[in-house]
């Protein structure tokens, strides 16, 4: 793969957005909007990226659920006397 190349994997009903970056390791994360993202080094093949995504499907699902729960929570209202620190 080339730096900057990206594609979407379908794993267990989830979309995982994979991007080839200048990184040393494969990195999995969930963005604030709840999208599953994966960064892979240039030497990693598409099939290896798919294999890792399958291995981490449970992690992706658990963390996507947590982000979804945070979205559903009502925003906190400031109360008199509260500080930001």
N, C-alpha and C. Protein backbone atom coordinates (compact mmCIF):
# COMPACT_ATOMS: atom_id res chain seq x y z
N UNK A 1 0.84 -1.19 0.00
CA UNK A 1 0.00 0.00 0.00
C UNK A 1 0.88 1.24 0.00
N UNK A 2 0.30 2.34 -0.46
CA UNK A 2 1.02 3.60 -0.50
C UNK A 2 0.51 4.53 0.60
N UNK A 3 1.39 5.41 1.07
CA UNK A 3 1.02 6.39 2.09
C UNK A 3 -0.15 7.22 1.55
N UNK A 4 -1.17 7.39 2.37
CA UNK A 4 -2.34 8.17 1.99
C UNK A 4 -3.46 7.35 1.38
N UNK A 5 -3.17 6.11 0.98
CA UNK A 5 -4.21 5.24 0.42
C UNK A 5 -5.18 4.84 1.51
N UNK A 6 -6.46 4.80 1.17
CA UNK A 6 -7.45 4.39 2.17
C UNK A 6 -8.54 3.55 1.52
N UNK A 7 -9.21 2.75 2.35
CA UNK A 7 -10.30 1.91 1.91
C UNK A 7 -11.17 1.57 3.11
N UNK A 8 -12.34 1.01 2.84
CA UNK A 8 -13.29 0.66 3.90
C UNK A 8 -13.45 -0.85 3.94
N UNK A 9 -13.33 -1.42 5.13
CA UNK A 9 -13.56 -2.85 5.33
C UNK A 9 -14.93 -3.05 5.96
N UNK A 10 -15.63 -4.09 5.53
CA UNK A 10 -16.88 -4.49 6.16
C UNK A 10 -16.57 -5.70 7.04
N UNK A 11 -16.67 -5.52 8.35
CA UNK A 11 -16.35 -6.58 9.30
C UNK A 11 -17.51 -6.74 10.27
N UNK A 12 -18.13 -7.90 10.25
CA UNK A 12 -19.25 -8.21 11.16
C UNK A 12 -20.30 -7.10 11.19
N UNK A 13 -20.64 -6.59 10.02
CA UNK A 13 -21.66 -5.55 9.93
C UNK A 13 -21.19 -4.15 10.25
N UNK A 14 -19.89 -3.97 10.50
CA UNK A 14 -19.34 -2.65 10.81
C UNK A 14 -18.48 -2.18 9.64
N UNK A 15 -18.43 -0.86 9.46
CA UNK A 15 -17.51 -0.27 8.50
C UNK A 15 -16.27 0.19 9.26
N UNK A 16 -15.11 -0.25 8.80
CA UNK A 16 -13.85 0.19 9.40
C UNK A 16 -13.06 0.91 8.31
N UNK A 17 -12.78 2.18 8.55
CA UNK A 17 -12.05 3.00 7.60
C UNK A 17 -10.56 2.83 7.85
N UNK A 18 -9.85 2.30 6.86
CA UNK A 18 -8.42 2.00 6.98
C UNK A 18 -7.62 2.99 6.15
N UNK A 19 -6.59 3.58 6.74
CA UNK A 19 -5.73 4.53 6.05
C UNK A 19 -4.28 4.13 6.24
N UNK A 20 -3.52 4.16 5.15
CA UNK A 20 -2.09 3.88 5.21
C UNK A 20 -1.38 5.18 5.59
N UNK A 21 -0.64 5.15 6.69
CA UNK A 21 0.04 6.35 7.20
C UNK A 21 1.49 6.02 7.55
N UNK A 22 2.23 7.04 7.88
CA UNK A 22 3.61 6.87 8.32
C UNK A 22 3.61 6.52 9.81
N UNK A 23 3.18 5.31 10.12
CA UNK A 23 3.13 4.83 11.50
C UNK A 23 3.93 3.55 11.60
N UNK A 24 4.32 3.21 12.81
CA UNK A 24 5.12 2.01 13.04
C UNK A 24 4.24 0.79 13.29
N UNK A 25 3.12 1.00 13.96
CA UNK A 25 2.22 -0.09 14.34
C UNK A 25 0.84 0.12 13.75
N UNK A 26 0.02 -0.90 13.81
CA UNK A 26 -1.38 -0.78 13.41
C UNK A 26 -2.12 -0.16 14.58
N UNK A 27 -2.86 0.91 14.32
CA UNK A 27 -3.58 1.63 15.36
C UNK A 27 -5.08 1.58 15.10
N UNK A 28 -5.84 1.20 16.12
CA UNK A 28 -7.29 1.14 16.03
C UNK A 28 -7.86 2.20 16.96
N UNK A 29 -8.90 2.91 16.48
CA UNK A 29 -9.52 3.94 17.32
C UNK A 29 -10.95 4.18 16.86
N UNK A 30 -11.69 4.86 17.70
CA UNK A 30 -13.06 5.28 17.40
C UNK A 30 -13.06 6.80 17.49
N UNK A 31 -13.53 7.46 16.43
CA UNK A 31 -13.56 8.92 16.47
C UNK A 31 -14.76 9.39 17.29
N UNK A 32 -14.82 10.68 17.64
CA UNK A 32 -15.91 11.18 18.49
C UNK A 32 -17.31 10.97 17.90
N UNK A 33 -17.39 10.83 16.60
CA UNK A 33 -18.70 10.60 15.96
C UNK A 33 -19.09 9.13 15.97
N UNK A 34 -18.18 8.25 16.42
CA UNK A 34 -18.47 6.83 16.52
C UNK A 34 -17.98 5.99 15.35
N UNK A 35 -17.20 6.56 14.45
CA UNK A 35 -16.68 5.80 13.30
C UNK A 35 -15.44 5.01 13.71
N UNK A 36 -15.34 3.79 13.19
CA UNK A 36 -14.18 2.93 13.47
C UNK A 36 -13.08 3.27 12.47
N UNK A 37 -11.88 3.56 12.99
CA UNK A 37 -10.74 3.94 12.15
C UNK A 37 -9.55 3.06 12.46
N UNK A 38 -8.75 2.81 11.44
CA UNK A 38 -7.54 2.01 11.61
C UNK A 38 -6.44 2.63 10.75
N UNK A 39 -5.27 2.86 11.34
CA UNK A 39 -4.10 3.33 10.61
C UNK A 39 -3.12 2.18 10.49
N UNK A 40 -2.58 1.99 9.28
CA UNK A 40 -1.64 0.89 9.06
C UNK A 40 -0.38 1.41 8.41
N UNK A 41 0.79 0.80 8.70
CA UNK A 41 2.03 1.17 8.02
C UNK A 41 1.99 0.74 6.55
N UNK A 42 2.84 1.33 5.74
CA UNK A 42 2.88 1.06 4.30
C UNK A 42 3.19 -0.40 3.99
N UNK A 43 3.96 -1.07 4.83
CA UNK A 43 4.35 -2.46 4.54
C UNK A 43 3.25 -3.49 4.83
N UNK A 44 2.14 -3.06 5.43
CA UNK A 44 1.05 -3.98 5.78
C UNK A 44 0.13 -4.15 4.57
N UNK A 45 -0.17 -5.40 4.25
CA UNK A 45 -1.06 -5.69 3.11
C UNK A 45 -2.52 -5.48 3.50
N UNK A 46 -3.34 -5.36 2.47
CA UNK A 46 -4.77 -5.21 2.71
C UNK A 46 -5.34 -6.44 3.44
N UNK A 47 -4.86 -7.63 3.07
CA UNK A 47 -5.36 -8.84 3.72
C UNK A 47 -4.96 -8.89 5.19
N UNK A 48 -3.76 -8.41 5.53
CA UNK A 48 -3.33 -8.36 6.93
C UNK A 48 -4.17 -7.33 7.70
N UNK A 49 -4.49 -6.21 7.08
CA UNK A 49 -5.33 -5.21 7.73
C UNK A 49 -6.71 -5.79 8.02
N UNK A 50 -7.24 -6.56 7.08
CA UNK A 50 -8.54 -7.19 7.28
C UNK A 50 -8.48 -8.23 8.40
N UNK A 51 -7.39 -8.98 8.46
CA UNK A 51 -7.19 -9.98 9.51
C UNK A 51 -7.19 -9.31 10.89
N UNK A 52 -6.47 -8.20 11.02
CA UNK A 52 -6.40 -7.48 12.30
C UNK A 52 -7.78 -6.91 12.66
N UNK A 53 -8.49 -6.39 11.67
CA UNK A 53 -9.83 -5.85 11.91
C UNK A 53 -10.75 -6.94 12.44
N UNK A 54 -10.66 -8.14 11.87
CA UNK A 54 -11.47 -9.26 12.35
C UNK A 54 -11.12 -9.65 13.77
N UNK A 55 -9.82 -9.65 14.08
CA UNK A 55 -9.36 -10.00 15.43
C UNK A 55 -9.85 -8.98 16.46
N UNK A 56 -9.98 -7.72 16.05
CA UNK A 56 -10.36 -6.65 16.98
C UNK A 56 -11.82 -6.23 16.83
N UNK A 57 -12.63 -7.02 16.15
CA UNK A 57 -14.03 -6.67 15.93
C UNK A 57 -14.77 -6.43 17.25
N UNK A 58 -14.52 -7.27 18.24
CA UNK A 58 -15.16 -7.10 19.55
C UNK A 58 -14.78 -5.79 20.20
N UNK A 59 -13.50 -5.43 20.10
CA UNK A 59 -13.02 -4.16 20.67
C UNK A 59 -13.72 -2.99 19.98
N UNK A 60 -13.77 -3.03 18.64
CA UNK A 60 -14.43 -1.96 17.90
C UNK A 60 -15.89 -1.83 18.34
N UNK A 61 -16.60 -2.96 18.41
CA UNK A 61 -18.02 -2.94 18.75
C UNK A 61 -18.23 -2.37 20.17
N UNK A 62 -17.44 -2.83 21.14
CA UNK A 62 -17.57 -2.35 22.52
C UNK A 62 -17.36 -0.85 22.61
N UNK A 63 -16.32 -0.36 21.96
CA UNK A 63 -16.00 1.06 22.05
C UNK A 63 -16.96 1.93 21.24
N UNK A 64 -17.49 1.39 20.14
CA UNK A 64 -18.50 2.14 19.39
C UNK A 64 -19.76 2.28 20.24
N UNK A 65 -20.10 1.24 21.00
CA UNK A 65 -21.25 1.30 21.90
C UNK A 65 -21.05 2.36 22.98
N UNK A 66 -19.83 2.45 23.53
CA UNK A 66 -19.55 3.44 24.57
C UNK A 66 -19.71 4.85 24.03
N UNK A 67 -19.24 5.09 22.81
CA UNK A 67 -19.37 6.42 22.20
C UNK A 67 -20.85 6.72 21.99
N UNK A 68 -21.61 5.72 21.56
CA UNK A 68 -23.05 5.90 21.37
C UNK A 68 -23.75 6.24 22.67
N UNK A 69 -23.34 5.63 23.76
CA UNK A 69 -23.93 5.93 25.07
C UNK A 69 -23.63 7.37 25.47
N UNK A 70 -22.42 7.83 25.20
CA UNK A 70 -22.05 9.21 25.54
C UNK A 70 -22.89 10.20 24.75
N UNK A 71 -23.20 9.87 23.50
CA UNK A 71 -24.01 10.76 22.67
C UNK A 71 -25.42 10.90 23.24
N UNK A 72 -25.96 9.81 23.80
CA UNK A 72 -27.33 9.81 24.29
C UNK A 72 -27.50 10.54 25.62
N UNK A 73 -26.40 10.71 26.35
CA UNK A 73 -26.50 11.39 27.64
C UNK A 73 -26.86 12.85 27.43
N UNK A 74 -27.70 13.37 28.30
CA UNK A 74 -28.07 14.79 28.22
C UNK A 74 -26.86 15.64 28.61
N UNK A 75 -26.65 16.74 27.92
CA UNK A 75 -25.53 17.61 28.30
C UNK A 75 -25.73 18.18 29.69
N UNK A 76 -24.65 18.31 30.41
CA UNK A 76 -24.73 18.85 31.77
C UNK A 76 -25.00 20.34 31.73
N UNK A 77 -25.81 20.79 32.63
CA UNK A 77 -26.09 22.22 32.76
C UNK A 77 -25.18 22.79 33.85
N UNK A 78 -24.66 23.97 33.60
CA UNK A 78 -23.83 24.63 34.61
C UNK A 78 -24.70 25.04 35.78
N UNK A 79 -24.15 24.83 36.97
CA UNK A 79 -24.85 25.25 38.16
C UNK A 79 -24.08 26.37 38.81
N UNK A 80 -24.78 27.21 39.50
CA UNK A 80 -24.17 28.35 40.15
C UNK A 80 -23.04 27.90 41.06
N UNK A 81 -21.88 28.55 40.94
CA UNK A 81 -20.74 28.25 41.79
C UNK A 81 -19.79 27.22 41.23
N UNK A 82 -20.11 26.56 40.12
CA UNK A 82 -19.22 25.56 39.54
C UNK A 82 -18.04 26.24 38.83
N UNK A 83 -16.91 25.56 38.85
CA UNK A 83 -15.74 26.03 38.11
C UNK A 83 -15.33 24.98 37.09
N UNK A 84 -14.46 25.38 36.18
CA UNK A 84 -14.03 24.46 35.13
C UNK A 84 -12.86 23.61 35.53
N UNK A 85 -12.24 23.87 36.67
CA UNK A 85 -11.08 23.07 37.08
C UNK A 85 -11.38 22.12 38.19
